[in-house]
Structure formats: C-alpha cells, structure tokens
N, C-alpha and C. Protein backbone atom coordinates (compact mmCIF):
# COMPACT_ATOMS: atom_id res chain seq x y z
N MET A 1 31.83 98.59 -39.66
CA MET A 1 32.95 98.56 -38.91
C MET A 1 32.34 99.36 -37.39
N PRO A 2 33.07 98.38 -36.28
CA PRO A 2 32.88 99.12 -34.70
C PRO A 2 32.90 100.14 -34.37
N ALA A 3 32.57 100.73 -33.62
CA ALA A 3 32.66 101.74 -32.92
C ALA A 3 33.83 101.91 -31.92
N PRO A 4 34.91 102.59 -31.99
CA PRO A 4 35.70 102.01 -31.17
C PRO A 4 35.46 102.83 -29.37
N ARG A 5 35.67 102.35 -28.15
CA ARG A 5 35.19 102.23 -27.04
C ARG A 5 35.79 103.81 -25.96
N PRO A 6 35.31 104.09 -25.50
CA PRO A 6 35.82 105.15 -24.56
C PRO A 6 36.59 104.99 -23.95
N ALA A 7 37.14 106.57 -23.75
CA ALA A 7 38.76 106.29 -23.06
C ALA A 7 38.90 105.57 -21.95
N SER A 8 37.48 105.96 -20.94
CA SER A 8 37.52 105.13 -18.87
C SER A 8 37.31 103.53 -19.54
N ASP A 9 37.41 103.23 -20.98
CA ASP A 9 36.86 101.85 -20.99
C ASP A 9 38.35 100.83 -21.50
N ARG A 10 39.35 101.91 -21.47
CA ARG A 10 40.17 101.19 -22.13
C ARG A 10 41.30 100.34 -20.86
N GLN A 11 42.19 99.70 -21.13
CA GLN A 11 42.71 98.89 -19.94
C GLN A 11 44.00 100.09 -20.38
N ILE A 12 44.60 100.35 -18.99
CA ILE A 12 46.02 100.89 -18.91
C ILE A 12 47.28 100.41 -18.81
N VAL A 13 48.04 99.92 -19.79
CA VAL A 13 48.85 98.64 -19.11
C VAL A 13 50.18 99.21 -18.92
N LEU A 14 51.09 99.28 -18.00
CA LEU A 14 52.40 99.93 -17.35
C LEU A 14 52.99 98.91 -17.92
N ARG A 15 53.93 98.92 -18.72
CA ARG A 15 55.09 97.65 -18.97
C ARG A 15 56.73 98.41 -18.37
N LEU A 16 56.88 98.39 -17.38
CA LEU A 16 58.04 98.44 -17.21
C LEU A 16 59.48 97.35 -17.07
N PRO A 17 60.42 97.77 -17.09
CA PRO A 17 61.59 97.37 -17.88
C PRO A 17 61.54 95.88 -16.19
N ARG A 18 62.38 94.61 -16.89
CA ARG A 18 62.45 93.65 -15.37
C ARG A 18 63.66 94.12 -14.45
N HIS A 19 64.90 95.46 -14.84
CA HIS A 19 65.44 95.07 -13.73
C HIS A 19 64.58 96.27 -12.28
N THR A 20 63.74 96.91 -13.35
CA THR A 20 63.61 97.62 -12.54
C THR A 20 62.67 97.03 -11.93
N LEU A 21 61.15 96.33 -11.36
CA LEU A 21 60.85 95.27 -10.82
C LEU A 21 61.95 94.43 -10.05
N LYS A 22 63.13 94.22 -10.10
CA LYS A 22 64.05 93.89 -9.28
C LYS A 22 64.15 94.65 -8.10
N ILE A 23 64.50 95.85 -8.66
CA ILE A 23 65.32 96.68 -7.75
C ILE A 23 64.07 97.55 -6.85
N ALA A 24 62.71 97.13 -7.81
CA ALA A 24 61.82 97.55 -6.31
C ALA A 24 61.47 96.74 -5.32
N GLY A 25 61.70 95.47 -6.01
CA GLY A 25 61.19 94.47 -4.63
C GLY A 25 61.77 94.10 -4.15
N ILE A 26 63.84 94.66 -4.33
CA ILE A 26 64.13 94.61 -2.93
C ILE A 26 64.39 95.75 -1.88
N ALA A 27 64.01 97.37 -2.98
CA ALA A 27 63.70 98.14 -1.63
C ALA A 27 62.85 97.76 -0.84
N PHE A 28 61.72 97.06 -1.00
CA PHE A 28 60.64 96.99 -0.20
C PHE A 28 60.23 95.81 0.50
N VAL A 29 60.97 94.89 0.42
CA VAL A 29 62.02 94.09 1.07
C VAL A 29 62.86 94.46 1.73
N ALA A 30 63.83 95.31 1.49
CA ALA A 30 64.64 96.15 2.71
C ALA A 30 64.13 96.74 3.43
N GLY A 31 63.25 97.65 3.19
CA GLY A 31 62.26 98.60 3.92
C GLY A 31 61.88 97.79 5.12
N LEU A 32 60.87 96.32 4.40
CA LEU A 32 60.32 95.73 5.32
C LEU A 32 61.30 95.30 6.94
N LEU A 33 62.30 95.11 6.45
CA LEU A 33 63.35 94.73 7.30
C LEU A 33 64.11 96.29 8.44
N LEU A 34 64.28 96.63 7.67
CA LEU A 34 64.90 97.71 8.54
C LEU A 34 63.24 98.36 9.14
N PHE A 35 61.68 98.29 8.82
CA PHE A 35 60.72 98.69 10.23
C PHE A 35 60.68 97.08 10.93
N LEU A 36 60.89 96.35 10.98
CA LEU A 36 60.63 95.37 11.59
C LEU A 36 62.24 94.98 12.64
N LEU A 37 63.37 95.87 12.17
CA LEU A 37 64.57 95.98 12.85
C LEU A 37 64.08 96.67 14.25
N VAL A 38 63.52 98.29 13.72
CA VAL A 38 63.44 99.14 14.26
C VAL A 38 62.19 99.10 15.06
N TRP A 39 61.42 98.09 15.21
CA TRP A 39 60.03 97.58 15.99
C TRP A 39 60.71 97.06 16.62
N ALA A 40 61.68 95.88 16.25
CA ALA A 40 61.80 95.13 17.95
C ALA A 40 62.95 95.67 19.03
N THR A 41 63.72 97.00 18.21
CA THR A 41 64.06 97.17 18.21
C THR A 41 63.81 97.83 20.09
N GLY A 42 62.80 98.68 19.59
CA GLY A 42 61.59 99.48 20.57
C GLY A 42 61.21 98.66 21.41
N ARG A 43 60.66 97.37 21.14
CA ARG A 43 60.02 96.75 21.75
C ARG A 43 61.50 96.56 22.92
N LYS A 44 62.56 96.04 22.63
CA LYS A 44 63.69 95.68 24.09
C LYS A 44 63.47 96.58 24.41
N ASP A 45 63.43 98.07 24.45
CA ASP A 45 64.12 99.51 24.99
C ASP A 45 62.80 99.62 25.90
N ASP A 46 61.83 99.31 25.89
CA ASP A 46 60.86 99.27 26.74
C ASP A 46 60.80 98.55 27.80
N PHE A 47 60.98 97.10 27.15
CA PHE A 47 60.89 95.97 28.17
C PHE A 47 61.84 96.55 29.41
N TYR A 48 62.67 97.20 29.21
CA TYR A 48 64.35 97.56 30.55
C TYR A 48 63.98 98.56 30.63
N LYS A 49 62.80 99.30 30.23
CA LYS A 49 62.70 100.71 30.95
C LYS A 49 61.55 100.85 32.02
N ALA A 50 61.70 101.15 33.38
CA ALA A 50 60.23 101.57 33.96
C ALA A 50 59.27 101.67 33.88
N SER A 51 58.40 101.16 34.44
CA SER A 51 57.10 101.88 33.83
C SER A 51 56.80 103.01 35.20
N PRO A 52 56.44 104.15 34.30
CA PRO A 52 55.56 105.01 35.73
C PRO A 52 54.84 104.73 36.30
N ALA A 53 54.38 103.79 36.83
CA ALA A 53 53.50 103.91 37.65
C ALA A 53 53.93 103.41 39.04
N GLN A 54 55.41 102.52 38.80
CA GLN A 54 55.61 102.03 39.06
C GLN A 54 56.44 103.13 40.60
N PRO A 55 57.18 104.10 40.00
CA PRO A 55 57.47 105.25 41.84
C PRO A 55 56.29 105.36 42.45
N ALA A 56 55.18 105.68 41.41
CA ALA A 56 53.53 106.25 42.57
C ALA A 56 53.61 105.11 43.33
N ALA A 57 53.95 104.13 43.03
CA ALA A 57 53.37 102.91 44.17
C ALA A 57 54.26 103.01 45.24
N GLY A 58 55.76 102.93 45.31
CA GLY A 58 56.86 102.97 45.65
C GLY A 58 55.94 104.18 47.02
N ALA A 59 56.09 105.38 46.12
CA ALA A 59 55.81 106.57 47.83
C ALA A 59 54.26 106.30 47.82
N GLN A 60 53.82 105.41 47.58
CA GLN A 60 52.59 105.02 48.14
C GLN A 60 52.38 103.87 49.39
N ALA A 61 53.58 103.26 49.41
CA ALA A 61 53.90 102.35 50.47
C ALA A 61 54.96 103.40 51.22
N ASP A 62 55.23 103.97 51.14
CA ASP A 62 56.27 105.01 51.51
C ASP A 62 55.10 105.38 52.87
N ASP A 63 54.37 106.24 52.09
CA ASP A 63 53.48 106.73 53.23
C ASP A 63 52.58 105.94 54.08
N ASN A 64 52.39 105.07 53.59
CA ASN A 64 51.51 103.81 54.58
C ASN A 64 52.25 103.27 55.45
N ILE A 65 54.22 104.08 55.50
CA ILE A 65 54.69 103.18 56.03
C ILE A 65 54.95 103.72 57.86
N GLN A 66 54.39 103.32 58.88
CA GLN A 66 53.99 104.33 60.24
C GLN A 66 55.60 104.17 61.01
N PRO A 67 55.90 105.41 61.20
CA PRO A 67 57.34 105.38 62.01
C PRO A 67 56.78 104.64 63.44
N LEU A 68 58.27 104.21 64.10
CA LEU A 68 58.21 103.73 65.32
C LEU A 68 58.14 104.25 66.30
N PRO A 69 57.94 103.57 67.47
CA PRO A 69 56.97 104.23 68.07
C PRO A 69 58.50 104.58 69.09
N ALA A 70 59.07 105.78 70.24
CA ALA A 70 60.08 106.28 70.70
C ALA A 70 60.32 105.01 72.31
N PRO A 71 61.59 105.39 72.03
CA PRO A 71 61.84 104.14 72.62
C PRO A 71 61.81 104.93 74.81
N LEU A 72 61.02 103.65 75.16
CA LEU A 72 61.40 103.90 76.89
C LEU A 72 62.10 104.49 77.44
N PRO A 73 61.86 105.69 78.43
CA PRO A 73 63.08 105.29 78.97
C PRO A 73 63.57 104.44 79.32
N ALA A 74 65.59 104.47 79.79
CA ALA A 74 65.93 103.37 80.78
C ALA A 74 65.26 102.92 82.25
N GLN A 75 64.86 103.84 82.90
CA GLN A 75 64.03 103.19 84.11
C GLN A 75 62.82 102.90 83.87
N ASP A 76 61.66 102.87 82.61
CA ASP A 76 60.91 102.36 82.84
C ASP A 76 61.17 100.81 81.92
N GLY A 77 61.51 100.02 82.16
CA GLY A 77 62.28 98.59 81.28
C GLY A 77 60.82 98.08 81.21
N ALA A 78 60.56 96.78 80.83
CA ALA A 78 59.50 95.54 80.66
C ALA A 78 59.86 95.09 82.01
N SER A 79 58.59 94.73 82.87
CA SER A 79 58.08 94.40 84.00
C SER A 79 58.49 93.09 83.19
N ASP A 80 58.67 92.29 82.30
CA ASP A 80 59.08 90.89 82.44
C ASP A 80 60.43 90.74 82.72
N MET A 81 61.57 91.20 82.35
CA MET A 81 62.53 91.15 81.78
C MET A 81 63.01 91.55 83.18
N PRO A 82 64.38 90.58 83.82
CA PRO A 82 65.10 90.68 84.78
C PRO A 82 66.15 91.76 85.11
N GLN A 83 66.19 92.10 86.16
CA GLN A 83 66.76 93.17 86.36
C GLN A 83 67.81 92.61 86.12
N ALA A 84 68.96 93.65 85.61
CA ALA A 84 69.91 93.07 85.76
C ALA A 84 70.94 93.28 87.29
N LYS A 85 71.36 92.50 87.79
CA LYS A 85 71.58 92.62 89.51
C LYS A 85 73.33 93.29 89.23
N PRO A 86 73.48 93.80 90.14
CA PRO A 86 74.76 94.40 90.32
C PRO A 86 76.29 93.43 90.37
N PRO A 87 77.09 94.11 90.28
CA PRO A 87 78.54 93.40 90.45
C PRO A 87 79.01 92.94 91.40
N GLU A 88 78.93 91.71 91.84
CA GLU A 88 79.32 91.47 93.89
C GLU A 88 80.63 92.22 94.08
N GLU A 89 80.24 91.82 94.84
CA GLU A 89 81.71 92.70 95.31
C GLU A 89 82.64 91.40 96.15
N THR A 90 84.30 91.63 95.87
CA THR A 90 84.90 90.89 96.41
C THR A 90 85.66 91.31 97.55
N PRO A 91 85.39 90.22 98.88
CA PRO A 91 85.67 91.50 99.64
C PRO A 91 87.39 90.92 99.94
N THR A 92 87.98 92.16 100.08
CA THR A 92 89.73 92.21 100.14
C THR A 92 90.26 91.65 101.49
N LEU A 93 90.97 91.11 101.66
CA LEU A 93 91.71 90.28 102.98
C LEU A 93 92.28 91.77 102.56
N VAL A 94 92.25 92.40 103.82
CA VAL A 94 93.65 93.54 104.49
C VAL A 94 94.47 92.80 105.87
N GLU A 95 95.92 92.68 105.52
CA GLU A 95 96.71 92.27 106.45
C GLU A 95 96.58 93.03 107.80
N THR A 96 96.38 92.89 108.81
CA THR A 96 96.30 93.53 109.81
C THR A 96 98.20 93.13 110.65
N ALA A 97 98.50 94.07 111.42
CA ALA A 97 99.88 93.80 112.18
C ALA A 97 99.72 92.71 113.30
N PRO A 98 100.38 91.71 113.64
CA PRO A 98 99.85 91.18 115.00
C PRO A 98 100.29 92.19 116.40
N PRO A 99 99.21 92.28 116.96
CA PRO A 99 99.06 93.03 118.26
C PRO A 99 100.28 92.97 118.68
N ALA A 100 100.68 94.24 119.35
CA ALA A 100 102.27 94.15 119.76
C ALA A 100 102.08 93.21 121.55
N PRO A 101 103.07 93.16 121.65
CA PRO A 101 103.56 91.92 123.29
C PRO A 101 102.85 93.08 124.60
N PRO A 102 102.07 92.19 124.98
CA PRO A 102 101.89 92.76 126.66
C PRO A 102 103.50 93.44 127.11
N ALA A 103 103.10 94.55 127.59
CA ALA A 103 104.46 95.21 128.50
C ALA A 103 103.88 94.30 129.97
N PRO A 104 105.66 94.22 130.07
CA PRO A 104 104.91 93.56 131.46
C PRO A 104 104.95 94.27 132.73
N THR A 105 104.15 94.27 133.53
CA THR A 105 103.27 95.06 134.13
C THR A 105 104.49 95.08 135.41
N PRO A 106 104.61 96.11 136.74
CA PRO A 106 105.10 96.01 138.21
C PRO A 106 104.88 94.96 139.42
N LEU A 107 104.89 94.52 139.90
CA LEU A 107 104.30 94.41 140.42
C LEU A 107 103.04 95.10 141.74
N PRO A 108 102.45 95.21 143.09
CA PRO A 108 101.99 96.19 143.62
C PRO A 108 102.89 96.69 144.62
N GLU A 109 103.09 97.33 144.73
CA GLU A 109 103.73 98.23 146.36
C GLU A 109 103.96 97.34 147.26
N ASP A 110 102.65 96.70 148.12
CA ASP A 110 102.75 95.95 149.21
C ASP A 110 103.28 94.60 148.63
N ALA A 111 103.49 94.72 147.56
CA ALA A 111 104.49 93.24 147.35
C ALA A 111 105.98 93.66 147.34
N VAL A 112 106.46 94.23 147.15
CA VAL A 112 108.15 94.57 146.83
C VAL A 112 108.32 96.24 147.26
N PRO A 113 108.88 95.90 148.20
CA PRO A 113 109.15 97.75 148.62
C PRO A 113 109.72 98.32 147.38
N GLY A 114 109.09 99.47 147.54
CA GLY A 114 110.13 100.49 145.95
C GLY A 114 109.57 100.01 144.87
N ALA A 115 108.81 99.27 144.47
CA ALA A 115 108.33 98.79 143.24
C ALA A 115 108.04 100.44 142.31
N PRO A 116 108.43 99.98 140.68
CA PRO A 116 108.20 100.96 139.87
C PRO A 116 106.79 101.62 139.88
N GLY A 117 105.75 100.34 140.33
CA GLY A 117 104.50 101.83 140.46
C GLY A 117 104.49 102.12 141.67
N ALA A 118 104.45 102.26 142.55
CA ALA A 118 104.80 102.72 143.75
C ALA A 118 105.21 103.50 144.10
N ALA A 119 105.65 104.47 143.00
CA ALA A 119 106.49 106.01 143.13
C ALA A 119 105.35 106.65 143.06
N PRO A 120 105.20 107.52 144.39
CA PRO A 120 104.85 108.37 143.97
C PRO A 120 104.87 109.45 142.99
N ALA A 121 103.28 110.52 143.38
CA ALA A 121 103.30 111.29 141.84
C ALA A 121 104.98 112.39 142.37
N ASN A 122 105.11 113.23 143.57
CA ASN A 122 105.45 114.08 143.80
C ASN A 122 106.84 113.20 143.90
N ALA A 123 107.66 113.03 142.92
CA ALA A 123 108.55 112.40 142.81
C ALA A 123 109.95 113.00 144.19
N ALA A 124 110.06 114.59 144.07
CA ALA A 124 110.56 115.07 145.02
C ALA A 124 110.27 114.88 146.23
N ALA A 125 108.90 114.39 146.29
CA ALA A 125 108.80 114.33 148.21
C ALA A 125 109.08 113.42 148.74
N ALA A 126 109.37 112.10 147.77
CA ALA A 126 109.73 110.68 148.00
C ALA A 126 110.50 110.54 147.90
N ALA A 127 111.96 111.33 147.28
CA ALA A 127 113.56 111.56 147.41
C ALA A 127 114.14 111.60 148.55
N GLY A 128 113.66 111.63 149.47
CA GLY A 128 114.14 112.24 150.35
C GLY A 128 114.31 111.04 152.38
N GLY A 129 113.62 109.21 151.23
CA GLY A 129 114.16 108.24 151.72
C GLY A 129 115.38 107.97 152.17
N ASP A 130 115.77 106.22 152.28
CA ASP A 130 117.17 105.65 152.24
C ASP A 130 117.39 104.87 151.33
N ARG A 131 116.07 104.73 150.23
CA ARG A 131 116.21 104.04 149.03
C ARG A 131 115.89 104.89 148.12
N PRO A 132 116.84 104.61 146.86
CA PRO A 132 116.52 105.72 145.51
C PRO A 132 114.89 105.20 145.33
N VAL A 133 114.72 106.46 144.46
CA VAL A 133 113.46 106.20 143.70
C VAL A 133 112.76 106.43 142.21
N PRO A 134 112.50 105.70 141.76
CA PRO A 134 112.49 105.75 140.14
C PRO A 134 111.59 107.04 139.59
N MET A 135 112.73 107.68 138.73
CA MET A 135 111.68 108.54 138.69
C MET A 135 110.35 108.65 137.54
N GLN A 136 109.99 109.19 137.29
CA GLN A 136 108.63 109.40 136.22
C GLN A 136 108.89 110.04 135.29
N GLY A 137 108.07 108.89 134.59
CA GLY A 137 108.41 109.02 132.55
C GLY A 137 109.94 108.69 132.51
N GLN A 138 111.35 108.04 133.49
CA GLN A 138 111.99 107.68 133.08
C GLN A 138 112.11 105.80 133.47
N MET A 139 111.17 105.27 133.28
CA MET A 139 110.92 103.80 133.67
C MET A 139 110.52 102.92 132.36
N PRO A 140 111.06 103.25 131.10
CA PRO A 140 110.51 102.29 130.34
C PRO A 140 110.40 100.62 130.30
N PRO A 141 109.20 100.83 130.64
CA PRO A 141 108.91 98.74 130.76
C PRO A 141 109.38 98.03 129.64
N PRO A 142 109.91 96.67 129.87
CA PRO A 142 110.82 96.05 129.84
C PRO A 142 110.05 95.17 128.15
N ARG A 143 110.67 94.65 127.39
CA ARG A 143 109.65 94.14 125.86
C ARG A 143 109.87 92.53 126.26
N TYR A 144 108.85 92.35 125.96
CA TYR A 144 108.63 90.82 126.04
C TYR A 144 109.16 89.83 124.98
N PRO A 145 109.74 88.92 125.22
CA PRO A 145 110.61 88.68 124.27
C PRO A 145 110.13 87.84 123.50
N ALA A 146 110.45 87.66 122.16
CA ALA A 146 109.29 87.28 121.27
C ALA A 146 109.40 85.74 121.40
N ALA A 147 110.30 85.15 121.23
CA ALA A 147 110.70 83.47 122.12
C ALA A 147 109.70 83.04 123.14
N ALA A 148 109.84 83.85 124.37
CA ALA A 148 109.21 83.54 125.63
C ALA A 148 107.47 83.89 125.10
N LEU A 149 107.59 84.73 124.19
CA LEU A 149 105.66 85.14 123.84
C LEU A 149 105.80 84.05 123.54
N ARG A 150 106.20 83.36 121.98
CA ARG A 150 106.30 82.49 121.39
C ARG A 150 105.16 80.49 122.35
N ARG A 151 106.65 80.79 123.16
CA ARG A 151 106.65 80.06 124.26
C ARG A 151 105.49 79.71 125.11
N GLY A 152 104.62 81.04 125.42
CA GLY A 152 103.81 80.89 126.43
C GLY A 152 104.25 81.43 127.97
N ASP A 153 105.92 81.42 127.56
CA ASP A 153 106.44 81.82 128.48
C ASP A 153 105.83 82.89 130.21
N ALA A 154 105.72 82.50 131.28
CA ALA A 154 105.22 83.57 131.63
C ALA A 154 105.48 83.64 133.44
N GLY A 155 105.85 84.18 133.89
CA GLY A 155 106.67 84.44 135.94
C GLY A 155 107.07 85.80 136.49
N ASP A 156 106.95 85.96 137.28
CA ASP A 156 107.42 87.04 138.19
C ASP A 156 108.70 86.83 138.47
N VAL A 157 109.48 88.16 138.40
CA VAL A 157 110.67 88.33 138.63
C VAL A 157 110.79 89.91 139.65
N VAL A 158 112.00 89.25 140.30
CA VAL A 158 112.38 90.41 140.84
C VAL A 158 114.09 90.91 141.34
N VAL A 159 114.22 92.18 140.15
CA VAL A 159 115.78 92.61 140.25
C VAL A 159 116.33 93.34 141.25
N ARG A 160 117.24 93.49 141.56
CA ARG A 160 117.54 94.59 142.36
C ARG A 160 118.88 95.23 141.65
N VAL A 161 118.99 96.57 142.13
CA VAL A 161 119.74 97.55 141.44
C VAL A 161 120.21 98.49 142.18
N ASP A 162 121.39 98.59 142.38
CA ASP A 162 122.44 99.12 142.65
C ASP A 162 122.54 100.99 142.19
N VAL A 163 121.80 101.66 142.70
CA VAL A 163 121.86 102.98 142.52
C VAL A 163 123.02 104.18 143.11
N ASP A 164 124.16 105.14 142.53
CA ASP A 164 124.92 105.30 143.16
C ASP A 164 124.45 107.40 143.17
N ALA A 165 124.84 107.66 143.49
CA ALA A 165 124.82 109.72 144.59
C ALA A 165 124.17 109.98 143.33
N ALA A 166 124.02 109.76 141.76
CA ALA A 166 123.70 110.71 141.35
C ALA A 166 122.26 110.37 140.23
N GLY A 167 122.36 109.31 141.33
CA GLY A 167 120.91 108.29 140.87
C GLY A 167 120.64 107.30 139.14
N ASN A 168 122.57 107.12 139.33
CA ASN A 168 122.48 106.03 137.99
C ASN A 168 122.28 104.77 138.08
N PRO A 169 121.78 103.94 137.38
CA PRO A 169 121.88 102.26 137.61
C PRO A 169 123.63 102.66 137.36
N GLY A 170 123.46 101.29 138.12
CA GLY A 170 124.58 100.09 138.76
C GLY A 170 124.90 98.72 138.32
N GLY A 171 124.99 98.29 139.58
CA GLY A 171 124.47 96.97 138.99
C GLY A 171 123.22 95.97 139.44
N VAL A 172 123.25 95.46 138.04
CA VAL A 172 121.59 94.95 138.74
C VAL A 172 121.82 93.33 138.82
N THR A 173 121.03 92.29 140.11
CA THR A 173 121.20 91.29 139.82
C THR A 173 119.77 91.11 140.18
N LEU A 174 119.61 89.24 140.16
CA LEU A 174 118.69 88.75 140.60
C LEU A 174 118.19 88.24 141.10
N VAL A 175 116.89 88.82 141.94
CA VAL A 175 116.80 88.16 143.13
C VAL A 175 115.48 87.28 143.41
N GLN A 176 114.97 86.86 142.28
CA GLN A 176 113.91 85.80 141.88
C GLN A 176 113.59 85.77 140.39
N ARG A 177 113.91 84.45 140.73
CA ARG A 177 113.76 84.02 138.82
C ARG A 177 112.55 84.00 138.57
N SER A 178 111.72 83.71 137.56
CA SER A 178 110.87 83.48 136.63
C SER A 178 110.62 82.24 136.10
N GLY A 179 112.12 81.55 135.89
CA GLY A 179 112.01 80.46 134.93
C GLY A 179 111.59 80.38 134.34
N SER A 180 111.93 81.79 133.44
CA SER A 180 112.88 81.78 131.64
C SER A 180 113.56 83.10 132.04
N ARG A 181 114.65 81.86 131.14
CA ARG A 181 115.73 82.83 131.32
C ARG A 181 115.84 83.93 130.34
N ASP A 182 114.85 84.52 129.15
CA ASP A 182 114.56 85.22 128.27
C ASP A 182 113.70 86.37 129.46
N LEU A 183 112.98 86.22 129.96
CA LEU A 183 112.02 86.89 131.34
C LEU A 183 113.05 87.88 131.71
N ASP A 184 114.15 86.96 132.49
CA ASP A 184 114.86 87.43 133.58
C ASP A 184 116.03 88.28 132.81
N ARG A 185 116.66 87.87 131.43
CA ARG A 185 117.21 89.26 130.99
C ARG A 185 116.47 90.60 130.43
N ALA A 186 115.16 90.23 130.00
CA ALA A 186 114.12 91.51 129.18
C ALA A 186 114.10 92.51 130.80
N ALA A 187 113.92 92.10 132.36
CA ALA A 187 113.99 93.23 132.98
C ALA A 187 114.99 93.13 133.60
N MET A 188 116.51 92.46 133.76
CA MET A 188 117.52 93.29 133.99
C MET A 188 117.77 94.46 132.98
N GLU A 189 117.62 94.18 131.88
CA GLU A 189 117.99 95.40 131.15
C GLU A 189 116.93 96.15 131.26
N ALA A 190 115.99 95.78 131.39
CA ALA A 190 115.29 97.52 131.11
C ALA A 190 115.24 98.09 131.96
N VAL A 191 115.89 98.16 133.26
CA VAL A 191 116.28 98.37 134.77
C VAL A 191 116.75 98.64 134.10
N ARG A 192 118.35 98.64 133.61
CA ARG A 192 119.59 99.59 133.67
C ARG A 192 119.50 100.41 132.32
N HIS A 193 118.11 100.69 132.32
CA HIS A 193 118.19 102.28 130.99
C HIS A 193 116.94 103.16 132.48
N TRP A 194 116.89 102.60 133.54
CA TRP A 194 115.99 103.63 133.84
C TRP A 194 116.94 104.47 134.64
N ARG A 195 116.37 105.60 135.20
CA ARG A 195 116.59 106.77 135.91
C ARG A 195 116.59 106.63 137.51
N PHE A 196 116.87 107.56 138.47
CA PHE A 196 116.39 107.40 139.60
C PHE A 196 116.67 108.67 140.63
N HIS A 197 116.25 108.90 141.53
CA HIS A 197 116.57 110.05 142.76
C HIS A 197 117.29 109.15 143.83
N PRO A 198 117.95 109.38 143.65
CA PRO A 198 118.92 108.90 144.76
C PRO A 198 118.88 108.64 146.17
N ALA A 199 118.87 108.31 147.30
CA ALA A 199 118.27 107.85 148.59
C ALA A 199 119.48 108.88 149.07
N GLN A 200 118.94 109.60 150.28
CA GLN A 200 119.65 110.56 150.90
C GLN A 200 119.59 110.33 152.88
N ARG A 201 120.72 110.67 153.66
CA ARG A 201 120.70 110.41 154.41
C ARG A 201 120.91 111.70 155.01
N ASN A 202 120.37 112.48 155.86
CA ASN A 202 120.73 113.74 156.70
C ASN A 202 120.97 114.84 155.31
N GLY A 203 119.71 114.52 154.29
CA GLY A 203 119.66 115.40 153.52
C GLY A 203 121.06 115.47 152.38
N GLN A 204 121.52 114.72 152.17
CA GLN A 204 123.12 114.32 151.55
C GLN A 204 122.27 112.60 150.73
N PRO A 205 122.80 113.37 148.72
CA PRO A 205 122.29 111.78 148.45
C PRO A 205 123.32 110.90 148.29
N ILE A 206 123.36 109.65 149.08
CA ILE A 206 124.46 108.45 148.96
C ILE A 206 123.57 107.73 148.31
N ALA A 207 124.32 106.97 148.23
CA ALA A 207 124.91 105.17 146.71
C ALA A 207 123.52 104.17 148.09
N GLY A 208 122.29 103.64 147.40
CA GLY A 208 121.59 102.72 147.43
C GLY A 208 121.08 101.79 146.86
N SER A 209 120.31 100.80 147.68
CA SER A 209 119.77 99.36 146.67
C SER A 209 118.32 99.52 146.56
N LEU A 210 117.33 99.03 145.44
CA LEU A 210 116.49 99.07 145.60
C LEU A 210 115.71 97.37 144.76
N ASP A 211 114.72 96.91 145.26
CA ASP A 211 114.42 95.66 144.48
C ASP A 211 113.07 96.52 143.74
N ILE A 212 113.33 95.57 142.47
CA ILE A 212 112.30 95.71 141.49
C ILE A 212 111.06 95.15 141.32
N PRO A 213 110.12 94.52 141.23
CA PRO A 213 109.08 93.15 140.62
C PRO A 213 109.03 93.39 139.41
N PHE A 214 108.90 92.55 138.98
CA PHE A 214 107.73 92.59 137.58
C PHE A 214 107.28 90.73 137.28
N GLU A 215 106.29 91.62 136.42
CA GLU A 215 105.30 90.35 136.03
C GLU A 215 104.93 90.11 134.22
N PHE A 216 105.63 89.19 134.19
CA PHE A 216 105.17 88.67 132.75
C PHE A 216 103.81 87.72 132.20
N LYS A 217 103.18 87.92 131.74
CA LYS A 217 102.15 87.46 131.33
C LYS A 217 101.27 87.44 130.24
N PRO A 218 101.67 86.26 128.94
CA PRO A 218 100.96 86.98 127.44
C PRO A 218 99.22 87.11 127.59
N ALA A 219 98.84 88.12 126.96
CA ALA A 219 97.88 88.64 126.26
C ALA A 219 97.02 87.26 126.45
N GLN A 220 95.82 87.38 126.66
CA GLN A 220 94.92 86.67 126.59
C GLN A 220 94.09 86.18 125.28
C-alpha cells in the first residue's frame, strides 16, 4: 500500500459555482471600463489645460520687448518731410468811395475885380469901398454837377450879384457863360448863399453889385 503524499504536494482545487464566476467576470469588465473612462476623461481635461510653461514664456517675451523712443519735439521734425505751407491769404476787395468832385475855384483877382479869392484878410478894412465884399467863411463853393462831371464839362463862369445895404444877395445874373447849363446854374446857386459886406458911401452902407468869376475844371 503506497504511502500518503505530504500536504505541500497536494493540489487544492477551489470549485466555485458558475453564477459566482459570471458575477466576478462582469465586475472585472465593469471595473476595466470604468478605468478606461476615467483615463480617457483625464486625457481630455489635460488636452485643454494650458501648459504651466506658457505663462513663463509669455512673461519672458514681454521682458524682451523694448519701449518705443519718446516722440521728437514739434520743431525737430524730419528733414526729409516737406514743411507744411501756411494757408495763402485771399486778398480782400475793399470798396472805396469815389473821390469827391473838385470844387470850382474862383478866378484870380486880376481877372475880375471883386473875386471871392481876392477878399482881403481884414474884411472890415475892405468894406469901405464902393462895391460889396464877400465875407470870409460865408462863401461856400459851388458843387460840381454830377452830370457835367460825367460828361467832362469844364469852363469859366462869371455871375453878377446885387447886394443890398444889409449885405444880403439879391438878383443873380450871368455875365459870362461856360457853355454848360449845369455849370452856369451851379455857380448862380452858390452865390445866392453867400454873405457880403455892403458897399459904402460916405461911411454909410449902400446897395451895390459885384461880378464873381468861377472856374470849373474836372480833376485829372
């Protein structure tokens, strides 16, 4: 009869029911699937996460950027650039009034006695003659008629004025015509506004008459 085998040489056979093996297999497969799911999810999260080295690289890039130089003053512009031209000034048309027509001037005293320009400075001393004498400052010159000025009319006019004993002008008549009716009328109208020292006889004022010449000449 053979001797019995030691216990270490014996094979221990564990026999489990079939449904227990199925449950264990299902649990193993479920655990493996759960592990794969967690691992795959972890990989996706790591894919979208920024690498910790990127901020350091960005900071290093910012350190390498040099600041821009300060802008030059306005007067130290580039010499190659053309300088801006100041705006051109547009000439302004200034309307000026047309020159006033020249006032007719009386003829010299030697041409006609008693002319306005021949009145002496001391009118009172000259008032003792036999003819009236125009008062200084009371002899407004005639106005040059605009129509005669446009036509260029010119000429000499001599008017005779009757002065009463009070020195007021009375009748005015033409002694010499200029050839222009406008000039003749202007001379006669001016003399009507004059004032005179009356003529005297024996120290008494009397009525008298005086011829007054005028020269009408347009300004050149």
